[in-house]
Amino acid sequence: MGALFADIICSRNEMSAKGEFDRITIEPGKMNGQPCIRGMRLTVRRVLEALSTYASREELRADYPELEDEDIRQALAYAAAMLADETVVTPTTS
């Protein structure tokens, strides 16, 4: 396991220990180890994609009735936390 990956896992575990992301679960044998909502086969990524495509949360809830407001909040916060210290290198134009 690479050092960066180990740091990410450690960081995720620390956040879970604090209860900040108690609805985000990571299981190596489920959904290829992607972060999921409450152990369901609904990934954080899928929730974020759905939020970006549905016109309203009411429409989102119609297709995902198992999704609760706190699930959505934690998915957004989790994504923000995973990007918080990342340096993104963008190509320069000449």
PDB file of N, CA and C in Angstrom:
ATOM      1  N   MET A   1       0.853  -1.179   0.000  1.00  0.00           N
ATOM      2  CA  MET A   1       0.000   0.000   0.000  1.00  0.00           C
ATOM      3  C   MET A   1       0.887   1.227   0.000  1.00  0.00           C
ATOM      4  N   GLY A   2       0.626   2.151  -0.893  1.00  0.00           N
ATOM      5  CA  GLY A   2       1.419   3.364  -0.988  1.00  0.00           C
ATOM      6  C   GLY A   2       1.178   4.284   0.197  1.00  0.00           C
ATOM      7  N   ALA A   3       2.138   5.165   0.444  1.00  0.00           N
ATOM      8  CA  ALA A   3       2.033   6.079   1.584  1.00  0.00           C
ATOM      9  C   ALA A   3       0.830   7.010   1.449  1.00  0.00           C
ATOM     10  N   LEU A   4       0.586   7.509   0.235  1.00  0.00           N
ATOM     11  CA  LEU A   4      -0.542   8.416   0.031  1.00  0.00           C
ATOM     12  C   LEU A   4      -1.853   7.709   0.330  1.00  0.00           C
ATOM     13  N   PHE A   5      -1.998   6.490  -0.176  1.00  0.00           N
ATOM     14  CA  PHE A   5      -3.216   5.713   0.064  1.00  0.00           C
ATOM     15  C   PHE A   5      -3.395   5.452   1.557  1.00  0.00           C
ATOM     16  N   ALA A   6      -2.307   5.116   2.234  1.00  0.00           N
ATOM     17  CA  ALA A   6      -2.364   4.871   3.682  1.00  0.00           C
ATOM     18  C   ALA A   6      -2.796   6.132   4.418  1.00  0.00           C
ATOM     19  N   ASP A   7      -2.297   7.288   4.009  1.00  0.00           N
ATOM     20  CA  ASP A   7      -2.685   8.559   4.620  1.00  0.00           C
ATOM     21  C   ASP A   7      -4.176   8.833   4.416  1.00  0.00           C
ATOM     22  N   ILE A   8      -4.679   8.529   3.226  1.00  0.00           N
ATOM     23  CA  ILE A   8      -6.094   8.749   2.937  1.00  0.00           C
ATOM     24  C   ILE A   8      -6.950   7.846   3.810  1.00  0.00           C
ATOM     25  N   ILE A   9      -6.573   6.564   3.906  1.00  0.00           N
ATOM     26  CA  ILE A   9      -7.324   5.630   4.742  1.00  0.00           C
ATOM     27  C   ILE A   9      -7.292   6.089   6.188  1.00  0.00           C
ATOM     28  N   CYS A  10      -6.129   6.500   6.668  1.00  0.00           N
ATOM     29  CA  CYS A  10      -5.995   6.986   8.043  1.00  0.00           C
ATOM     30  C   CYS A  10      -6.888   8.199   8.254  1.00  0.00           C
ATOM     31  N   SER A  11      -6.859   9.127   7.320  1.00  0.00           N
ATOM     32  CA  SER A  11      -7.672  10.330   7.419  1.00  0.00           C
ATOM     33  C   SER A  11      -9.155   9.975   7.452  1.00  0.00           C
ATOM     34  N   ARG A  12      -9.590   9.058   6.595  1.00  0.00           N
ATOM     35  CA  ARG A  12     -10.991   8.637   6.574  1.00  0.00           C
ATOM     36  C   ARG A  12     -11.370   7.987   7.898  1.00  0.00           C
ATOM     37  N   ASN A  13     -10.484   7.137   8.412  1.00  0.00           N
ATOM     38  CA  ASN A  13     -10.773   6.467   9.674  1.00  0.00           C
ATOM     39  C   ASN A  13     -10.874   7.469  10.814  1.00  0.00           C
ATOM     40  N   GLU A  14     -10.010   8.484  10.817  1.00  0.00           N
ATOM     41  CA  GLU A  14     -10.065   9.511  11.854  1.00  0.00           C
ATOM     42  C   GLU A  14     -11.381  10.266  11.783  1.00  0.00           C
ATOM     43  N   MET A  15     -11.842  10.586  10.573  1.00  0.00           N
ATOM     44  CA  MET A  15     -13.091  11.312  10.418  1.00  0.00           C
ATOM     45  C   MET A  15     -14.257  10.452  10.888  1.00  0.00           C
ATOM     46  N   SER A  16     -14.208   9.146  10.576  1.00  0.00           N
ATOM     47  CA  SER A  16     -15.272   8.251  11.023  1.00  0.00           C
ATOM     48  C   SER A  16     -15.264   8.121  12.532  1.00  0.00           C
ATOM     49  N   ALA A  17     -14.062   8.075  13.117  1.00  0.00           N
ATOM     50  CA  ALA A  17     -13.957   7.952  14.569  1.00  0.00           C
ATOM     51  C   ALA A  17     -14.571   9.157  15.262  1.00  0.00           C
ATOM     52  N   LYS A  18     -14.474  10.315  14.643  1.00  0.00           N
ATOM     53  CA  LYS A  18     -15.058  11.524  15.216  1.00  0.00           C
ATOM     54  C   LYS A  18     -16.569  11.566  15.015  1.00  0.00           C
ATOM     55  N   GLY A  19     -17.101  10.649  14.212  1.00  0.00           N
ATOM     56  CA  GLY A  19     -18.535  10.629  13.958  1.00  0.00           C
ATOM     57  C   GLY A  19     -18.966  11.579  12.863  1.00  0.00           C
ATOM     58  N   GLU A  20     -17.994  12.256  12.256  1.00  0.00           N
ATOM     59  CA  GLU A  20     -18.329  13.216  11.222  1.00  0.00           C
ATOM     60  C   GLU A  20     -18.984  12.545  10.022  1.00  0.00           C
ATOM     61  N   PHE A  21     -18.521  11.334   9.696  1.00  0.00           N
ATOM     62  CA  PHE A  21     -19.056  10.610   8.547  1.00  0.00           C
ATOM     63  C   PHE A  21     -19.554   9.233   8.980  1.00  0.00           C
ATOM     64  N   ASP A  22     -20.442   9.216   9.931  1.00  0.00           N
ATOM     65  CA  ASP A  22     -20.927   7.940  10.436  1.00  0.00           C
ATOM     66  C   ASP A  22     -21.867   7.233   9.464  1.00  0.00           C
ATOM     67  N   ARG A  23     -22.278   7.905   8.410  1.00  0.00           N
ATOM     68  CA  ARG A  23     -23.133   7.284   7.393  1.00  0.00           C
ATOM     69  C   ARG A  23     -22.337   6.842   6.162  1.00  0.00           C
ATOM     70  N   ILE A  24     -21.063   7.161   6.118  1.00  0.00           N
ATOM     71  CA  ILE A  24     -20.214   6.770   4.999  1.00  0.00           C
ATOM     72  C   ILE A  24     -19.481   5.495   5.407  1.00  0.00           C
ATOM     73  N   THR A  25     -19.673   4.444   4.631  1.00  0.00           N
ATOM     74  CA  THR A  25     -19.041   3.167   4.937  1.00  0.00           C
ATOM     75  C   THR A  25     -18.136   2.743   3.791  1.00  0.00           C
ATOM     76  N   ILE A  26     -17.041   2.092   4.149  1.00  0.00           N
ATOM     77  CA  ILE A  26     -16.108   1.577   3.145  1.00  0.00           C
ATOM     78  C   ILE A  26     -15.859   0.109   3.473  1.00  0.00           C
ATOM     79  N   GLU A  27     -16.265  -0.755   2.559  1.00  0.00           N
ATOM     80  CA  GLU A  27     -16.080  -2.185   2.725  1.00  0.00           C
ATOM     81  C   GLU A  27     -15.367  -2.709   1.481  1.00  0.00           C
ATOM     82  N   PRO A  28     -14.178  -3.309   1.649  1.00  0.00           N
ATOM     83  CA  PRO A  28     -13.409  -3.767   0.486  1.00  0.00           C
ATOM     84  C   PRO A  28     -14.191  -4.684  -0.457  1.00  0.00           C
ATOM     85  N   GLY A  29     -15.095  -5.500   0.061  1.00  0.00           N
ATOM     86  CA  GLY A  29     -15.836  -6.437  -0.777  1.00  0.00           C
ATOM     87  C   GLY A  29     -17.119  -5.889  -1.375  1.00  0.00           C
ATOM     88  N   LYS A  30     -17.420  -4.646  -1.108  1.00  0.00           N
ATOM     89  CA  LYS A  30     -18.666  -4.053  -1.622  1.00  0.00           C
ATOM     90  C   LYS A  30     -18.343  -2.858  -2.504  1.00  0.00           C
ATOM     91  N   MET A  31     -18.890  -2.853  -3.699  1.00  0.00           N
ATOM     92  CA  MET A  31     -18.731  -1.744  -4.644  1.00  0.00           C
ATOM     93  C   MET A  31     -17.252  -1.384  -4.847  1.00  0.00           C
ATOM     94  N   ASN A  32     -16.406  -2.409  -4.909  1.00  0.00           N
ATOM     95  CA  ASN A  32     -14.959  -2.234  -5.114  1.00  0.00           C
ATOM     96  C   ASN A  32     -14.313  -1.336  -4.065  1.00  0.00           C
ATOM     97  N   GLY A  33     -14.863  -1.320  -2.866  1.00  0.00           N
ATOM     98  CA  GLY A  33     -14.282  -0.529  -1.790  1.00  0.00           C
ATOM     99  C   GLY A  33     -14.579   0.955  -1.859  1.00  0.00           C
ATOM    100  N   GLN A  34     -15.475   1.353  -2.749  1.00  0.00           N
ATOM    101  CA  GLN A  34     -15.832   2.767  -2.845  1.00  0.00           C
ATOM    102  C   GLN A  34     -16.644   3.183  -1.624  1.00  0.00           C
ATOM    103  N   PRO A  35     -16.537   4.435  -1.202  1.00  0.00           N
ATOM    104  CA  PRO A  35     -17.338   4.913  -0.084  1.00  0.00           C
ATOM    105  C   PRO A  35     -18.822   4.850  -0.449  1.00  0.00           C
ATOM    106  N   CYS A  36     -19.615   4.259   0.450  1.00  0.00           N
ATOM    107  CA  CYS A  36     -21.047   4.077   0.227  1.00  0.00           C
ATOM    108  C   CYS A  36     -21.847   4.754   1.332  1.00  0.00           C
ATOM    109  N   ILE A  37     -23.131   4.863   1.096  1.00  0.00           N
ATOM    110  CA  ILE A  37     -24.055   5.432   2.077  1.00  0.00           C
ATOM    111  C   ILE A  37     -24.633   4.300   2.921  1.00  0.00           C
ATOM    112  N   ARG A  38     -24.362   4.357   4.225  1.00  0.00           N
ATOM    113  CA  ARG A  38     -24.920   3.437   5.215  1.00  0.00           C
ATOM    114  C   ARG A  38     -24.854   1.969   4.818  1.00  0.00           C
ATOM    115  N   GLY A  39     -23.777   1.548   4.202  1.00  0.00           N
ATOM    116  CA  GLY A  39     -23.604   0.140   3.852  1.00  0.00           C
ATOM    117  C   GLY A  39     -24.428  -0.314   2.663  1.00  0.00           C
ATOM    118  N   MET A  40     -25.178   0.592   2.066  1.00  0.00           N
ATOM    119  CA  MET A  40     -25.982   0.240   0.891  1.00  0.00           C
ATOM    120  C   MET A  40     -25.081   0.199  -0.344  1.00  0.00           C
ATOM    121  N   ARG A  41     -25.614  -0.284  -1.411  1.00  0.00           N
ATOM    122  CA  ARG A  41     -24.886  -0.307  -2.672  1.00  0.00           C
ATOM    123  C   ARG A  41     -25.112   1.017  -3.421  1.00  0.00           C
ATOM    124  N   LEU A  42     -25.054   2.083  -2.679  1.00  0.00           N
ATOM    125  CA  LEU A  42     -25.232   3.438  -3.204  1.00  0.00           C
ATOM    126  C   LEU A  42     -23.975   4.220  -2.824  1.00  0.00           C
ATOM    127  N   THR A  43     -23.150   4.495  -3.825  1.00  0.00           N
ATOM    128  CA  THR A  43     -21.869   5.135  -3.550  1.00  0.00           C
ATOM    129  C   THR A  43     -22.014   6.646  -3.359  1.00  0.00           C
ATOM    130  N   VAL A  44     -21.043   7.201  -2.654  1.00  0.00           N
ATOM    131  CA  VAL A  44     -20.982   8.653  -2.490  1.00  0.00           C
ATOM    132  C   VAL A  44     -20.909   9.297  -3.863  1.00  0.00           C
ATOM    133  N   ARG A  45     -20.129   8.711  -4.743  1.00  0.00           N
ATOM    134  CA  ARG A  45     -20.003   9.262  -6.098  1.00  0.00           C
ATOM    135  C   ARG A  45     -21.359   9.318  -6.803  1.00  0.00           C
ATOM    136  N   ARG A  46     -22.137   8.250  -6.676  1.00  0.00           N
ATOM    137  CA  ARG A  46     -23.448   8.220  -7.324  1.00  0.00           C
ATOM    138  C   ARG A  46     -24.369   9.300  -6.757  1.00  0.00           C
ATOM    139  N   VAL A  47     -24.308   9.514  -5.448  1.00  0.00           N
ATOM    140  CA  VAL A  47     -25.117  10.563  -4.826  1.00  0.00           C
ATOM    141  C   VAL A  47     -24.724  11.924  -5.381  1.00  0.00           C
ATOM    142  N   LEU A  48     -23.420  12.175  -5.502  1.00  0.00           N
ATOM    143  CA  LEU A  48     -22.957  13.453  -6.049  1.00  0.00           C
ATOM    144  C   LEU A  48     -23.388  13.624  -7.497  1.00  0.00           C
ATOM    145  N   GLU A  49     -23.276  12.555  -8.280  1.00  0.00           N
ATOM    146  CA  GLU A  49     -23.727  12.625  -9.675  1.00  0.00           C
ATOM    147  C   GLU A  49     -25.228  12.923  -9.742  1.00  0.00           C
ATOM    148  N   ALA A  50     -25.987  12.253  -8.895  1.00  0.00           N
ATOM    149  CA  ALA A  50     -27.435  12.467  -8.888  1.00  0.00           C
ATOM    150  C   ALA A  50     -27.777  13.902  -8.500  1.00  0.00           C
ATOM    151  N   LEU A  51     -27.074  14.434  -7.497  1.00  0.00           N
ATOM    152  CA  LEU A  51     -27.316  15.823  -7.091  1.00  0.00           C
ATOM    153  C   LEU A  51     -27.057  16.797  -8.237  1.00  0.00           C
ATOM    154  N   SER A  52     -26.103  16.466  -9.070  1.00  0.00           N
ATOM    155  CA  SER A  52     -25.771  17.375 -10.172  1.00  0.00           C
ATOM    156  C   SER A  52     -26.724  17.248 -11.355  1.00  0.00           C
ATOM    157  N   THR A  53     -27.480  16.154 -11.426  1.00  0.00           N
ATOM    158  CA  THR A  53     -28.344  15.965 -12.590  1.00  0.00           C
ATOM    159  C   THR A  53     -29.829  16.177 -12.316  1.00  0.00           C
ATOM    160  N   TYR A  54     -30.274  15.954 -11.093  1.00  0.00           N
ATOM    161  CA  TYR A  54     -31.688  16.138 -10.778  1.00  0.00           C
ATOM    162  C   TYR A  54     -31.983  17.621 -10.557  1.00  0.00           C
ATOM    163  N   ALA A  55     -33.130  18.044 -11.042  1.00  0.00           N
ATOM    164  CA  ALA A  55     -33.510  19.457 -10.924  1.00  0.00           C
ATOM    165  C   ALA A  55     -33.809  19.849  -9.473  1.00  0.00           C
ATOM    166  N   SER A  56     -34.290  18.898  -8.679  1.00  0.00           N
ATOM    167  CA  SER A  56     -34.615  19.207  -7.288  1.00  0.00           C
ATOM    168  C   SER A  56     -34.377  17.978  -6.417  1.00  0.00           C
ATOM    169  N   ARG A  57     -34.282  18.215  -5.139  1.00  0.00           N
ATOM    170  CA  ARG A  57     -34.112  17.092  -4.207  1.00  0.00           C
ATOM    171  C   ARG A  57     -35.370  16.231  -4.169  1.00  0.00           C
ATOM    172  N   GLU A  58     -36.520  16.799  -4.437  1.00  0.00           N
ATOM    173  CA  GLU A  58     -37.757  16.023  -4.461  1.00  0.00           C
ATOM    174  C   GLU A  58     -37.697  14.979  -5.575  1.00  0.00           C
ATOM    175  N   GLU A  59     -37.196  15.374  -6.753  1.00  0.00           N
ATOM    176  CA  GLU A  59     -37.035  14.426  -7.853  1.00  0.00           C
ATOM    177  C   GLU A  59     -36.010  13.352  -7.488  1.00  0.00           C
ATOM    178  N   LEU A  60     -34.942  13.774  -6.846  1.00  0.00           N
ATOM    179  CA  LEU A  60     -33.911  12.839  -6.408  1.00  0.00           C
ATOM    180  C   LEU A  60     -34.501  11.812  -5.444  1.00  0.00           C
ATOM    181  N   ARG A  61     -35.259  12.286  -4.473  1.00  0.00           N
ATOM    182  CA  ARG A  61     -35.867  11.382  -3.482  1.00  0.00           C
ATOM    183  C   ARG A  61     -36.885  10.432  -4.120  1.00  0.00           C
ATOM    184  N   ALA A  62     -37.534  10.859  -5.198  1.00  0.00           N
ATOM    185  CA  ALA A  62     -38.486   9.983  -5.879  1.00  0.00           C
ATOM    186  C   ALA A  62     -37.778   8.748  -6.443  1.00  0.00           C
ATOM    187  N   ASP A  63     -36.574   8.936  -6.965  1.00  0.00           N
ATOM    188  CA  ASP A  63     -35.808   7.821  -7.513  1.00  0.00           C
ATOM    189  C   ASP A  63     -34.956   7.105  -6.465  1.00  0.00           C
ATOM    190  N   TYR A  64     -34.623   7.791  -5.391  1.00  0.00           N
ATOM    191  CA  TYR A  64     -33.804   7.232  -4.318  1.00  0.00           C
ATOM    192  C   TYR A  64     -34.503   7.457  -2.976  1.00  0.00           C
ATOM    193  N   PRO A  65     -35.619   6.762  -2.722  1.00  0.00           N
ATOM    194  CA  PRO A  65     -36.383   7.009  -1.484  1.00  0.00           C
ATOM    195  C   PRO A  65     -35.617   6.640  -0.209  1.00  0.00           C
ATOM    196  N   GLU A  66     -34.612   5.790  -0.338  1.00  0.00           N
ATOM    197  CA  GLU A  66     -33.816   5.392   0.833  1.00  0.00           C
ATOM    198  C   GLU A  66     -32.825   6.469   1.261  1.00  0.00           C
ATOM    199  N   LEU A  67     -32.606   7.453   0.414  1.00  0.00           N
ATOM    200  CA  LEU A  67     -31.645   8.520   0.684  1.00  0.00           C
ATOM    201  C   LEU A  67     -32.252   9.572   1.610  1.00  0.00           C
ATOM    202  N   GLU A  68     -31.571   9.821   2.714  1.00  0.00           N
ATOM    203  CA  GLU A  68     -32.050  10.800   3.693  1.00  0.00           C
ATOM    204  C   GLU A  68     -31.228  12.083   3.584  1.00  0.00           C
ATOM    205  N   ASP A  69     -31.769  13.168   4.114  1.00  0.00           N
ATOM    206  CA  ASP A  69     -31.073  14.461   4.063  1.00  0.00           C
ATOM    207  C   ASP A  69     -29.671  14.376   4.656  1.00  0.00           C
ATOM    208  N   GLU A  70     -29.509  13.674   5.755  1.00  0.00           N
ATOM    209  CA  GLU A  70     -28.192  13.547   6.382  1.00  0.00           C
ATOM    210  C   GLU A  70     -27.229  12.753   5.502  1.00  0.00           C
ATOM    211  N   ASP A  71     -27.734  11.788   4.730  1.00  0.00           N
ATOM    212  CA  ASP A  71     -26.896  11.051   3.779  1.00  0.00           C
ATOM    213  C   ASP A  71     -26.323  12.011   2.737  1.00  0.00           C
ATOM    214  N   ILE A  72     -27.175  12.883   2.227  1.00  0.00           N
ATOM    215  CA  ILE A  72     -26.756  13.851   1.208  1.00  0.00           C
ATOM    216  C   ILE A  72     -25.739  14.821   1.792  1.00  0.00           C
ATOM    217  N   ARG A  73     -26.026  15.326   2.984  1.00  0.00           N
ATOM    218  CA  ARG A  73     -25.110  16.262   3.627  1.00  0.00           C
ATOM    219  C   ARG A  73     -23.734  15.622   3.842  1.00  0.00           C
ATOM    220  N   GLN A  74     -23.723  14.392   4.337  1.00  0.00           N
ATOM    221  CA  GLN A  74     -22.443  13.742   4.587  1.00  0.00           C
ATOM    222  C   GLN A  74     -21.714  13.385   3.291  1.00  0.00           C
ATOM    223  N   ALA A  75     -22.434  13.046   2.247  1.00  0.00           N
ATOM    224  CA  ALA A  75     -21.789  12.770   0.960  1.00  0.00           C
ATOM    225  C   ALA A  75     -21.080  14.017   0.446  1.00  0.00           C
ATOM    226  N   LEU A  76     -21.738  15.161   0.537  1.00  0.00           N
ATOM    227  CA  LEU A  76     -21.131  16.427   0.112  1.00  0.00           C
ATOM    228  C   LEU A  76     -19.933  16.786   0.989  1.00  0.00           C
ATOM    229  N   ALA A  77     -20.086  16.649   2.289  1.00  0.00           N
ATOM    230  CA  ALA A  77     -18.993  16.973   3.212  1.00  0.00           C
ATOM    231  C   ALA A  77     -17.812  16.026   3.026  1.00  0.00           C
ATOM    232  N   TYR A  78     -18.099  14.762   2.784  1.00  0.00           N
ATOM    233  CA  TYR A  78     -17.051  13.764   2.562  1.00  0.00           C
ATOM    234  C   TYR A  78     -16.250  14.110   1.311  1.00  0.00           C
ATOM    235  N   ALA A  79     -16.951  14.436   0.238  1.00  0.00           N
ATOM    236  CA  ALA A  79     -16.268  14.808  -1.005  1.00  0.00           C
ATOM    237  C   ALA A  79     -15.400  16.037  -0.795  1.00  0.00           C
ATOM    238  N   ALA A  80     -15.917  17.024  -0.092  1.00  0.00           N
ATOM    239  CA  ALA A  80     -15.142  18.241   0.182  1.00  0.00           C
ATOM    240  C   ALA A  80     -13.912  17.919   1.029  1.00  0.00           C
ATOM    241  N   ALA A  81     -14.065  17.045   2.014  1.00  0.00           N
ATOM    242  CA  ALA A  81     -12.940  16.681   2.875  1.00  0.00           C
ATOM    243  C   ALA A  81     -11.861  15.938   2.105  1.00  0.00           C
ATOM    244  N   MET A  82     -12.270  15.107   1.148  1.00  0.00           N
ATOM    245  CA  MET A  82     -11.292  14.346   0.366  1.00  0.00           C
ATOM    246  C   MET A  82     -10.525  15.244  -0.600  1.00  0.00           C
ATOM    247  N   LEU A  83     -11.079  16.390  -0.943  1.00  0.00           N
ATOM    248  CA  LEU A  83     -10.423  17.328  -1.848  1.00  0.00           C
ATOM    249  C   LEU A  83      -9.714  18.459  -1.117  1.00  0.00           C
ATOM    250  N   ALA A  84      -9.918  18.561   0.170  1.00  0.00           N
ATOM    251  CA  ALA A  84      -9.450  19.711   0.938  1.00  0.00           C
ATOM    252  C   ALA A  84      -7.964  20.002   0.801  1.00  0.00           C
ATOM    253  N   ASP A  85      -7.125  19.001   0.853  1.00  0.00           N
ATOM    254  CA  ASP A  85      -5.684  19.228   0.832  1.00  0.00           C
ATOM    255  C   ASP A  85      -5.026  18.770  -0.458  1.00  0.00           C
ATOM    256  N   GLU A  86      -5.827  18.497  -1.444  1.00  0.00           N
ATOM    257  CA  GLU A  86      -5.284  17.994  -2.703  1.00  0.00           C
ATOM    258  C   GLU A  86      -4.829  19.150  -3.584  1.00  0.00           C
ATOM    259  N   THR A  87      -3.661  19.009  -4.169  1.00  0.00           N
ATOM    260  CA  THR A  87      -3.166  19.986  -5.117  1.00  0.00           C
ATOM    261  C   THR A  87      -3.510  19.496  -6.508  1.00  0.00           C
ATOM    262  N   VAL A  88      -4.203  20.308  -7.241  1.00  0.00           N
ATOM    263  CA  VAL A  88      -4.602  19.955  -8.588  1.00  0.00           C
ATOM    264  C   VAL A  88      -3.704  20.712  -9.560  1.00  0.00           C
ATOM    265  N   VAL A  89      -3.004  19.971 -10.396  1.00  0.00           N
ATOM    266  CA  VAL A  89      -2.117  20.561 -11.386  1.00  0.00           C
ATOM    267  C   VAL A  89      -2.895  20.683 -12.683  1.00  0.00           C
ATOM    268  N   THR A  90      -3.005  21.890 -13.174  1.00  0.00           N
ATOM    269  CA  THR A  90      -3.700  22.117 -14.430  1.00  0.00           C
ATOM    270  C   THR A  90      -2.686  22.425 -15.527  1.00  0.00           C
ATOM    271  N   PRO A  91      -2.965  21.965 -16.738  1.00  0.00           N
ATOM    272  CA  PRO A  91      -2.045  22.245 -17.819  1.00  0.00           C
ATOM    273  C   PRO A  91      -2.015  23.743 -18.160  1.00  0.00           C
ATOM    274  N   THR A  92      -0.857  24.205 -18.513  1.00  0.00           N
ATOM    275  CA  THR A  92      -0.733  25.607 -18.915  1.00  0.00           C
ATOM    276  C   THR A  92      -0.871  25.709 -20.415  1.00  0.00           C
ATOM    277  N   THR A  93      -1.389  26.807 -20.850  1.00  0.00           N
ATOM    278  CA  THR A  93      -1.527  27.017 -22.292  1.00  0.00           C
ATOM    279  C   THR A  93      -0.401  27.936 -22.756  1.00  0.00           C
ATOM    280  N   SER A  94       0.053  27.673 -23.937  1.00  0.00           N
ATOM    281  CA  SER A  94       1.153  28.477 -24.496  1.00  0.00           C
ATOM    282  C   SER A  94       0.645  29.530 -25.424  1.00  0.00           C
TER     283      SER A  94
END
